[in-house]
Amino acid sequence: MTSTTPSPVLIVGSMAFDDLTLPTATVTDVVGGAATYAALATSLFAPARVVAVVGTDFPEPVLQDLQHRGIDTAGVCRAQGRTFRWAGRYSDDLSSRVTLDTQLNVFADFRPVLPPAYRDSAFLLLANIHPTLQLEVLDQVTVARLVATDTMNFWIEGERPALEAVLKRTHTLVINDEELRQLAEQHNLRKAAAAALKLGPQRLIVKRGEYGAMLFDEHGIFFTPPYPLDRELDPTGAGDTFAGALLGYLAQADDLSPRTVRRALLTAATVASFNVEDIGTRRLQSLTRPEVEHRLGLLEAITRVDP
């Protein structure tokens, strides 16, 4: 069933500047951050609410552009100091990257405080932040119907007790295959998925980059291939874009049935493919629903037995 007015998706994460060394270009001061990518992807399907912190150097027009796309930035706090900054260099085939510099700046003191109007959000995306901050967010929401959580190797290794407390309150865990293997201490993907699900989530979504994504839940296993591109410039934020589109689609559908969740995965993979076609959030800022629907049809045709 499709809701006339989709429920807003609450997104808690980082807003940042990225300095990127890519095979095709070196660019600086690219607006990024998990919350930024996720919110832009969500806004294609449903309203987004963002809780994040930026510094005094973050351009006001960027926040205004987000607002024009139906993204509520009332939860974005502007603190004295510089915005979180990350610098990375990608390999020639874009399959790997190394971090050159990380400056937490105002993000180091980030404490997510939800505006009162955000606390009844039914759909919540906990982007990659410290697990104790994710717990603080969970303590502030009242009726979350779907809690989706992202994390990273650093938290898995160094903050496991807090992370496991988050996972006990998580409905959908969204991580990549390397993180899954570390979390489960299992190399075999299927065994690792089973171990991760025992930690609390009802479903697990494994992002595999150029190899697509996999869903593990009580109904079995589902796989979505990636859309094959002829133009790949920048994979930064693709995973956050995937997660944002996933929750946006589910919020718009107002349905968490197995069929809808699987359809959401295909849609999320489609939106993420657009993100890679340009640097930073540029492609997401111009992306339209008709473009997504057209490419989604092409992606579905790839796996259709009958031509």
Protein backbone atom coordinates (compact mmCIF):
# COMPACT_ATOMS: atom_id res chain seq x y z
CA MET A 1 0.00 0.00 0.00
CA THR A 2 1.33 3.44 -0.92
CA SER A 3 0.80 6.28 1.53
CA THR A 4 -0.48 9.58 0.12
CA THR A 5 1.96 11.45 2.34
CA PRO A 6 5.05 9.30 2.97
CA SER A 7 6.41 9.13 6.48
CA PRO A 8 9.61 11.17 6.92
CA VAL A 9 12.89 9.31 7.26
CA LEU A 10 15.10 10.46 10.12
CA ILE A 11 18.80 10.33 9.23
CA VAL A 12 21.51 10.82 11.85
CA GLY A 13 25.08 11.04 10.62
CA SER A 14 27.85 13.26 9.32
CA MET A 15 27.95 16.23 6.98
CA ALA A 16 31.43 16.92 5.71
CA PHE A 17 33.88 18.27 3.19
CA ASP A 18 35.82 15.71 1.15
CA ASP A 19 39.13 16.14 -0.66
CA LEU A 20 39.27 13.42 -3.31
CA THR A 21 42.14 12.11 -5.40
CA LEU A 22 40.46 10.24 -8.24
CA PRO A 23 41.90 8.64 -11.39
CA THR A 24 40.30 11.40 -13.45
CA ALA A 25 40.68 14.43 -11.20
CA THR A 26 41.75 15.84 -7.87
CA VAL A 27 38.99 17.85 -6.20
CA THR A 28 38.77 19.65 -2.88
CA ASP A 29 35.99 20.94 -0.64
CA VAL A 30 33.43 18.53 -2.06
CA VAL A 31 30.29 18.55 0.08
CA GLY A 32 29.81 15.05 1.45
CA GLY A 33 29.13 13.07 4.60
CA ALA A 34 26.90 10.06 5.14
CA ALA A 35 23.86 12.10 6.12
CA THR A 36 24.14 14.32 3.04
CA TYR A 37 24.25 11.43 0.57
CA ALA A 38 21.54 9.47 2.37
CA ALA A 39 19.19 12.44 2.64
CA LEU A 40 19.47 13.30 -1.05
CA ALA A 41 18.69 9.70 -1.97
CA THR A 42 15.80 9.48 0.50
CA SER A 43 14.26 12.70 -0.82
CA LEU A 44 13.58 11.03 -4.17
CA PHE A 45 10.86 9.02 -2.43
CA ALA A 46 9.99 10.53 0.95
CA PRO A 47 10.72 13.56 3.13
CA ALA A 48 14.00 13.40 5.02
CA ARG A 49 14.93 14.78 8.43
CA VAL A 50 18.62 15.28 9.14
CA VAL A 51 20.44 15.46 12.46
CA ALA A 52 24.09 16.43 12.04
CA VAL A 53 26.61 19.12 12.92
CA VAL A 54 28.47 21.52 10.64
CA GLY A 55 30.97 24.27 11.30
CA THR A 56 30.85 27.98 10.60
CA ASP A 57 32.58 27.29 7.26
CA PHE A 58 29.68 25.22 5.88
CA PRO A 59 27.87 27.15 3.13
CA GLU A 60 24.30 28.16 3.92
CA PRO A 61 23.27 27.73 0.24
CA VAL A 62 24.03 24.01 0.55
CA LEU A 63 21.52 23.69 3.38
CA GLN A 64 19.03 25.71 1.38
CA ASP A 65 19.45 23.39 -1.60
CA LEU A 66 18.71 20.42 0.66
CA GLN A 67 15.60 22.16 1.95
CA HIS A 68 14.40 22.72 -1.61
CA ARG A 69 14.53 18.96 -2.13
CA GLY A 70 12.19 18.32 0.81
CA ILE A 71 14.95 17.71 3.35
CA ASP A 72 14.27 19.12 6.81
CA THR A 73 17.52 20.53 8.20
CA ALA A 74 16.13 21.80 11.51
CA GLY A 75 18.24 19.13 13.21
CA VAL A 76 21.49 20.36 11.65
CA CYS A 77 23.43 22.24 14.32
CA ARG A 78 25.99 24.87 13.34
CA ALA A 79 28.87 24.86 15.85
CA GLN A 80 31.81 27.20 16.24
CA GLY A 81 34.75 25.75 14.33
CA ARG A 82 35.44 23.88 11.12
CA THR A 83 33.31 21.18 9.52
CA PHE A 84 34.38 17.52 9.55
CA ARG A 85 36.83 16.91 6.69
CA TRP A 86 38.03 13.70 5.04
CA ALA A 87 40.65 13.21 2.36
CA GLY A 88 41.14 10.02 0.38
CA ARG A 89 42.89 8.63 -2.67
CA TYR A 90 41.26 6.01 -4.89
CA SER A 91 42.99 3.30 -6.89
CA ASP A 92 43.01 3.53 -10.68
CA ASP A 93 40.08 1.10 -10.95
CA LEU A 94 38.16 2.78 -8.06
CA SER A 95 37.93 -0.56 -6.25
CA SER A 96 39.84 0.59 -3.18
CA ARG A 97 40.90 3.76 -1.41
CA VAL A 98 43.26 4.94 1.28
CA THR A 99 42.53 7.66 3.80
CA LEU A 100 45.01 10.52 3.56
CA ASP A 101 43.62 12.72 6.30
CA THR A 102 40.71 12.88 8.75
CA GLN A 103 39.85 16.04 10.66
CA LEU A 104 36.90 15.55 12.99
CA ASN A 105 36.70 19.23 13.93
CA VAL A 106 33.17 20.04 15.24
CA PHE A 107 32.13 16.44 14.65
CA ALA A 108 34.37 15.40 17.55
CA ASP A 109 31.90 16.92 20.02
CA PHE A 110 28.73 15.92 18.17
CA ARG A 111 25.89 14.92 20.48
CA PRO A 112 22.73 14.15 18.51
CA VAL A 113 19.77 15.95 20.05
CA LEU A 114 16.53 15.37 18.17
CA PRO A 115 14.11 18.25 17.73
CA PRO A 116 10.78 17.32 19.41
CA ALA A 117 9.07 16.99 16.01
CA TYR A 118 11.60 14.32 14.97
CA ARG A 119 11.03 11.97 17.88
CA ASP A 120 8.00 10.25 16.38
CA SER A 121 9.87 9.31 13.17
CA ALA A 122 8.75 5.87 12.02
CA PHE A 123 11.80 5.29 9.79
CA LEU A 124 15.27 5.84 11.21
CA LEU A 125 18.67 5.54 9.55
CA LEU A 126 21.59 5.48 11.96
CA ALA A 127 24.50 6.28 9.69
CA ASN A 128 28.08 5.45 10.53
CA ILE A 129 28.72 7.23 13.84
CA HIS A 130 29.95 6.07 17.26
CA PRO A 131 27.66 3.33 18.63
CA THR A 132 27.13 5.24 21.88
CA LEU A 133 25.72 8.13 19.83
CA GLN A 134 23.48 5.70 17.98
CA LEU A 135 22.19 4.51 21.35
CA GLU A 136 21.51 8.10 22.39
CA VAL A 137 19.38 8.54 19.28
CA LEU A 138 17.47 5.33 19.94
CA ASP A 139 16.69 6.57 23.45
CA GLN A 140 15.09 9.70 21.96
CA VAL A 141 12.78 8.15 19.36
CA THR A 142 9.38 6.87 20.44
CA VAL A 143 7.69 4.85 17.69
CA ALA A 144 10.35 3.80 15.21
CA ARG A 145 8.87 1.18 12.92
CA LEU A 146 12.12 0.53 11.08
CA VAL A 147 15.59 1.17 12.51
CA ALA A 148 18.37 0.69 9.97
CA THR A 149 21.95 0.81 11.22
CA ASP A 150 25.28 1.26 9.47
CA THR A 151 28.67 0.83 11.10
CA MET A 152 32.33 0.34 10.19
CA ASN A 153 35.41 -1.75 10.99
CA PHE A 154 36.70 0.77 13.55
CA TRP A 155 33.59 0.42 15.74
CA ILE A 156 33.41 -3.34 15.26
CA GLU A 157 36.96 -3.68 16.55
CA GLY A 158 37.05 -1.01 19.24
CA GLU A 159 33.45 -0.52 20.43
CA ARG A 160 31.90 -3.96 20.15
CA PRO A 161 29.86 -3.96 23.41
CA ALA A 162 28.17 -0.67 22.50
CA LEU A 163 27.67 -1.82 18.91
CA GLU A 164 26.04 -5.05 20.05
CA ALA A 165 23.69 -3.01 22.24
CA VAL A 166 22.70 -1.05 19.14
CA LEU A 167 22.19 -4.21 17.10
CA LYS A 168 19.77 -5.57 19.70
CA ARG A 169 17.56 -2.57 18.87
CA THR A 170 18.14 -2.66 15.12
CA HIS A 171 15.68 -4.03 12.58
CA THR A 172 17.96 -3.85 9.52
CA LEU A 173 21.75 -3.91 9.56
CA VAL A 174 23.38 -2.46 6.42
CA ILE A 175 27.12 -3.13 6.11
CA ASN A 176 29.64 -4.27 3.51
CA ASP A 177 30.98 -7.80 3.18
CA GLU A 178 34.34 -7.02 4.83
CA GLU A 179 32.58 -5.54 7.87
CA LEU A 180 30.22 -8.50 8.04
CA ARG A 181 33.08 -10.99 8.14
CA GLN A 182 34.79 -8.99 10.89
CA LEU A 183 31.60 -8.68 12.91
CA ALA A 184 30.75 -12.38 12.63
CA GLU A 185 34.34 -13.65 12.75
CA GLN A 186 33.41 -15.87 9.83
CA HIS A 187 34.76 -15.76 6.27
CA ASN A 188 31.92 -17.71 4.68
CA LEU A 189 29.32 -15.09 3.78
CA ARG A 190 26.28 -17.24 4.53
CA LYS A 191 27.60 -18.36 7.91
CA ALA A 192 28.62 -14.81 8.71
CA ALA A 193 25.13 -13.57 7.86
CA ALA A 194 23.55 -16.16 10.16
CA ALA A 195 25.87 -15.11 13.00
CA ALA A 196 25.10 -11.41 12.48
CA LEU A 197 21.35 -12.03 12.55
CA LYS A 198 21.71 -13.73 15.92
CA LEU A 199 22.92 -10.40 17.32
CA GLY A 200 19.45 -8.91 16.95
CA PRO A 201 18.60 -7.56 13.47
CA GLN A 202 15.61 -9.03 11.64
CA ARG A 203 17.33 -8.59 8.30
CA LEU A 204 20.84 -8.05 7.03
CA ILE A 205 21.78 -6.19 3.86
CA VAL A 206 25.32 -6.72 2.62
CA LYS A 207 26.72 -4.10 0.27
CA ARG A 208 29.24 -5.57 -2.16
CA GLY A 209 30.11 -2.58 -4.31
CA GLU A 210 30.56 -3.55 -7.94
CA TYR A 211 29.19 -7.03 -7.09
CA GLY A 212 25.76 -5.80 -6.01
CA ALA A 213 24.02 -6.37 -2.69
CA MET A 214 22.54 -9.29 -0.78
CA LEU A 215 19.64 -9.55 1.64
CA PHE A 216 19.44 -12.18 4.36
CA ASP A 217 16.26 -12.55 6.42
CA GLU A 218 13.82 -15.15 7.67
CA HIS A 219 12.40 -15.50 4.16
CA GLY A 220 15.73 -16.50 2.63
CA ILE A 221 18.36 -14.80 0.50
CA PHE A 222 17.88 -12.19 -2.21
CA PHE A 223 20.49 -10.74 -4.55
CA THR A 224 20.46 -7.60 -6.61
CA PRO A 225 23.13 -7.09 -9.24
CA PRO A 226 24.72 -3.68 -9.78
CA TYR A 227 23.68 -1.69 -12.80
CA PRO A 228 26.58 -1.90 -15.32
CA LEU A 229 27.90 1.58 -15.98
CA ASP A 230 29.96 2.99 -18.82
CA ARG A 231 30.92 6.04 -16.75
CA GLU A 232 32.36 5.68 -13.26
CA LEU A 233 33.94 8.74 -11.68
CA ASP A 234 33.55 8.68 -7.91
CA PRO A 235 32.18 5.93 -5.63
CA THR A 236 32.26 8.16 -2.52
CA GLY A 237 28.94 7.97 -0.70
CA ALA A 238 27.53 5.15 -2.81
CA GLY A 239 26.80 3.02 0.25
CA ASP A 240 25.10 5.90 2.05
CA THR A 241 23.12 6.65 -1.10
CA PHE A 242 22.03 3.00 -1.19
CA ALA A 243 20.85 3.11 2.43
CA GLY A 244 19.02 6.40 1.98
CA ALA A 245 17.20 5.22 -1.13
CA LEU A 246 16.29 1.96 0.60
CA LEU A 247 14.60 3.71 3.53
CA GLY A 248 13.02 6.34 1.32
CA TYR A 249 11.43 3.68 -0.84
CA LEU A 250 10.14 1.74 2.16
CA ALA A 251 8.75 4.90 3.78
CA GLN A 252 6.93 5.80 0.58
CA ALA A 253 5.54 2.28 0.22
CA ASP A 254 4.56 2.18 3.91
CA ASP A 255 5.11 -1.54 3.71
CA LEU A 256 7.80 -3.89 5.01
CA SER A 257 6.60 -7.09 3.34
CA PRO A 258 9.30 -9.35 1.84
CA ARG A 259 8.33 -8.38 -1.71
CA THR A 260 8.53 -4.65 -0.97
CA VAL A 261 11.86 -4.98 0.83
CA ARG A 262 13.29 -6.81 -2.16
CA ARG A 263 11.92 -4.21 -4.53
CA ALA A 264 13.50 -1.55 -2.32
CA LEU A 265 16.89 -3.27 -2.70
CA LEU A 266 16.67 -3.14 -6.48
CA THR A 267 15.68 0.51 -6.32
CA ALA A 268 18.48 1.37 -3.90
CA ALA A 269 21.05 -0.30 -6.16
CA THR A 270 19.71 1.73 -9.06
CA VAL A 271 19.95 5.06 -7.23
CA ALA A 272 23.46 4.23 -6.01
CA SER A 273 24.56 3.61 -9.60
CA PHE A 274 23.74 7.21 -10.50
CA ASN A 275 25.83 8.50 -7.60
CA VAL A 276 28.99 6.95 -9.05
CA GLU A 277 28.57 8.76 -12.37
CA ASP A 278 29.72 12.14 -11.09
CA ILE A 279 31.85 13.63 -8.34
CA GLY A 280 30.40 14.02 -4.86
CA THR A 281 26.66 14.62 -4.70
CA ARG A 282 26.39 16.35 -8.08
CA ARG A 283 24.45 13.58 -9.80
CA LEU A 284 22.09 13.09 -6.88
CA GLN A 285 21.27 16.79 -6.88
CA SER A 286 19.95 16.59 -10.44
CA LEU A 287 18.51 13.07 -10.32
CA THR A 288 14.78 12.61 -10.97
CA ARG A 289 12.31 9.83 -10.27
CA PRO A 290 11.65 9.16 -13.99
CA GLU A 291 15.38 8.58 -14.48
CA VAL A 292 15.40 6.14 -11.56
CA GLU A 293 12.33 4.28 -12.86
CA HIS A 294 13.82 3.98 -16.34
CA ARG A 295 17.12 2.55 -15.11
CA LEU A 296 15.33 0.29 -12.64
CA GLY A 297 13.52 -1.27 -15.58
CA LEU A 298 16.84 -1.82 -17.32
CA LEU A 299 18.31 -3.42 -14.19
CA GLU A 300 15.33 -5.78 -13.88
CA ALA A 301 15.68 -6.74 -17.54
CA ILE A 302 19.26 -7.87 -16.90
CA THR A 303 18.03 -10.70 -14.68
CA ARG A 304 14.95 -11.62 -16.72
CA VAL A 305 15.15 -15.08 -18.22
CA ASP A 306 12.87 -14.32 -21.16
CA PRO A 307 14.20 -11.48 -23.32
